[in-house]
Amino acid sequence: MAIENFTDPELVQILIDKVSNLTTFFQAVGGIILAYLIFSAVNLWINRKKKKEMEKINNNLEDIKKLLKKKK
């Protein structure tokens, strides 16, 4: 009896539509996750670059302080 209902074209079309909607939803979620991962990777790269630059500035500041102490 259940197999007979499954061969009904209208029922099959309804099932295909629901699976299609679910597939579209998962594709959208996957796209959002992929965009977030790309954003995080770029953000990580920029932050490392900023950190390296800040360390360089900090070292230069320490050198300037040492030079000023020597002049006094």
C-alpha atoms as a PDB file:
ATOM      1  CA  MET A   1       0.000   0.000   0.000  1.00  0.00           C
ATOM      2  CA  ALA A   2       2.796   2.420   0.845  1.00  0.00           C
ATOM      3  CA  ILE A   3       4.605   1.604  -2.408  1.00  0.00           C
ATOM      4  CA  GLU A   4       1.473   2.386  -4.391  1.00  0.00           C
ATOM      5  CA  ASN A   5       1.292   5.863  -2.842  1.00  0.00           C
ATOM      6  CA  PHE A   6       4.950   6.527  -3.553  1.00  0.00           C
ATOM      7  CA  THR A   7       4.419   6.038  -7.293  1.00  0.00           C
ATOM      8  CA  ASP A   8       1.834   8.821  -7.367  1.00  0.00           C
ATOM      9  CA  PRO A   9       3.334  11.598  -9.579  1.00  0.00           C
ATOM     10  CA  GLU A  10       1.980  14.405  -7.406  1.00  0.00           C
ATOM     11  CA  LEU A  11       3.504  12.917  -4.264  1.00  0.00           C
ATOM     12  CA  VAL A  12       6.842  12.415  -6.007  1.00  0.00           C
ATOM     13  CA  GLN A  13       6.789  16.042  -7.197  1.00  0.00           C
ATOM     14  CA  ILE A  14       6.057  17.289  -3.660  1.00  0.00           C
ATOM     15  CA  LEU A  15       8.955  15.234  -2.298  1.00  0.00           C
ATOM     16  CA  ILE A  16      11.296  16.550  -5.010  1.00  0.00           C
ATOM     17  CA  ASP A  17      10.271  20.137  -4.198  1.00  0.00           C
ATOM     18  CA  LYS A  18      10.946  19.652  -0.492  1.00  0.00           C
ATOM     19  CA  VAL A  19      14.350  18.069  -1.142  1.00  0.00           C
ATOM     20  CA  SER A  20      15.136  20.861  -3.585  1.00  0.00           C
ATOM     21  CA  ASN A  21      14.319  23.493  -0.950  1.00  0.00           C
ATOM     22  CA  LEU A  22      16.454  21.660   1.603  1.00  0.00           C
ATOM     23  CA  THR A  23      19.353  21.458  -0.863  1.00  0.00           C
ATOM     24  CA  THR A  24      19.091  25.185  -1.569  1.00  0.00           C
ATOM     25  CA  PHE A  25      19.133  25.905   2.175  1.00  0.00           C
ATOM     26  CA  PHE A  26      22.267  23.798   2.702  1.00  0.00           C
ATOM     27  CA  GLN A  27      23.976  25.497  -0.236  1.00  0.00           C
ATOM     28  CA  ALA A  28      23.214  28.904   1.286  1.00  0.00           C
ATOM     29  CA  VAL A  29      24.545  27.822   4.690  1.00  0.00           C
ATOM     30  CA  GLY A  30      27.655  26.391   3.038  1.00  0.00           C
ATOM     31  CA  GLY A  31      28.204  29.655   1.182  1.00  0.00           C
ATOM     32  CA  ILE A  32      27.934  31.636   4.396  1.00  0.00           C
ATOM     33  CA  ILE A  33      30.401  29.323   6.147  1.00  0.00           C
ATOM     34  CA  LEU A  34      32.838  29.563   3.233  1.00  0.00           C
ATOM     35  CA  ALA A  35      32.607  33.370   3.226  1.00  0.00           C
ATOM     36  CA  TYR A  36      33.230  33.429   6.991  1.00  0.00           C
ATOM     37  CA  LEU A  37      36.295  31.198   6.643  1.00  0.00           C
ATOM     38  CA  ILE A  38      37.731  33.399   3.889  1.00  0.00           C
ATOM     39  CA  PHE A  39      37.031  36.525   5.964  1.00  0.00           C
ATOM     40  CA  SER A  40      38.706  34.948   9.002  1.00  0.00           C
ATOM     41  CA  ALA A  41      41.781  33.941   7.014  1.00  0.00           C
ATOM     42  CA  VAL A  42      42.187  37.441   5.563  1.00  0.00           C
ATOM     43  CA  ASN A  43      41.605  38.985   8.989  1.00  0.00           C
ATOM     44  CA  LEU A  44      44.230  36.694  10.539  1.00  0.00           C
ATOM     45  CA  TRP A  45      46.760  37.634   7.868  1.00  0.00           C
ATOM     46  CA  ILE A  46      46.116  41.370   8.347  1.00  0.00           C
ATOM     47  CA  ASN A  47      46.353  41.072  12.139  1.00  0.00           C
ATOM     48  CA  ARG A  48      49.694  39.256  11.911  1.00  0.00           C
ATOM     49  CA  LYS A  49      50.995  41.958   9.619  1.00  0.00           C
ATOM     50  CA  LYS A  50      49.821  44.680  12.044  1.00  0.00           C
ATOM     51  CA  LYS A  51      51.355  42.850  15.009  1.00  0.00           C
ATOM     52  CA  LYS A  52      54.695  42.586  13.241  1.00  0.00           C
ATOM     53  CA  GLU A  53      54.602  46.304  12.423  1.00  0.00           C
ATOM     54  CA  MET A  54      53.668  47.214  16.008  1.00  0.00           C
ATOM     55  CA  GLU A  55      56.595  45.168  17.345  1.00  0.00           C
ATOM     56  CA  LYS A  56      58.921  46.989  14.959  1.00  0.00           C
ATOM     57  CA  ILE A  57      57.575  50.373  16.126  1.00  0.00           C
ATOM     58  CA  ASN A  58      57.950  49.302  19.759  1.00  0.00           C
ATOM     59  CA  ASN A  59      61.566  48.287  19.184  1.00  0.00           C
ATOM     60  CA  ASN A  60      62.286  51.603  17.478  1.00  0.00           C
ATOM     61  CA  LEU A  61      60.708  53.433  20.407  1.00  0.00           C
ATOM     62  CA  GLU A  62      62.956  51.571  22.843  1.00  0.00           C
ATOM     63  CA  ASP A  63      65.996  52.565  20.754  1.00  0.00           C
ATOM     64  CA  ILE A  64      64.886  56.201  20.788  1.00  0.00           C
ATOM     65  CA  LYS A  65      64.488  56.110  24.570  1.00  0.00           C
ATOM     66  CA  LYS A  66      68.002  54.700  24.980  1.00  0.00           C
ATOM     67  CA  LEU A  67      69.455  57.417  22.744  1.00  0.00           C
ATOM     68  CA  LEU A  68      67.646  60.147  24.676  1.00  0.00           C
ATOM     69  CA  LYS A  69      68.928  58.801  28.001  1.00  0.00           C
ATOM     70  CA  LYS A  70      72.499  58.846  26.697  1.00  0.00           C
ATOM     71  CA  LYS A  71      72.204  62.532  25.669  1.00  0.00           C
ATOM     72  CA  LYS A  72      71.125  63.629  29.174  1.00  0.00           C
END
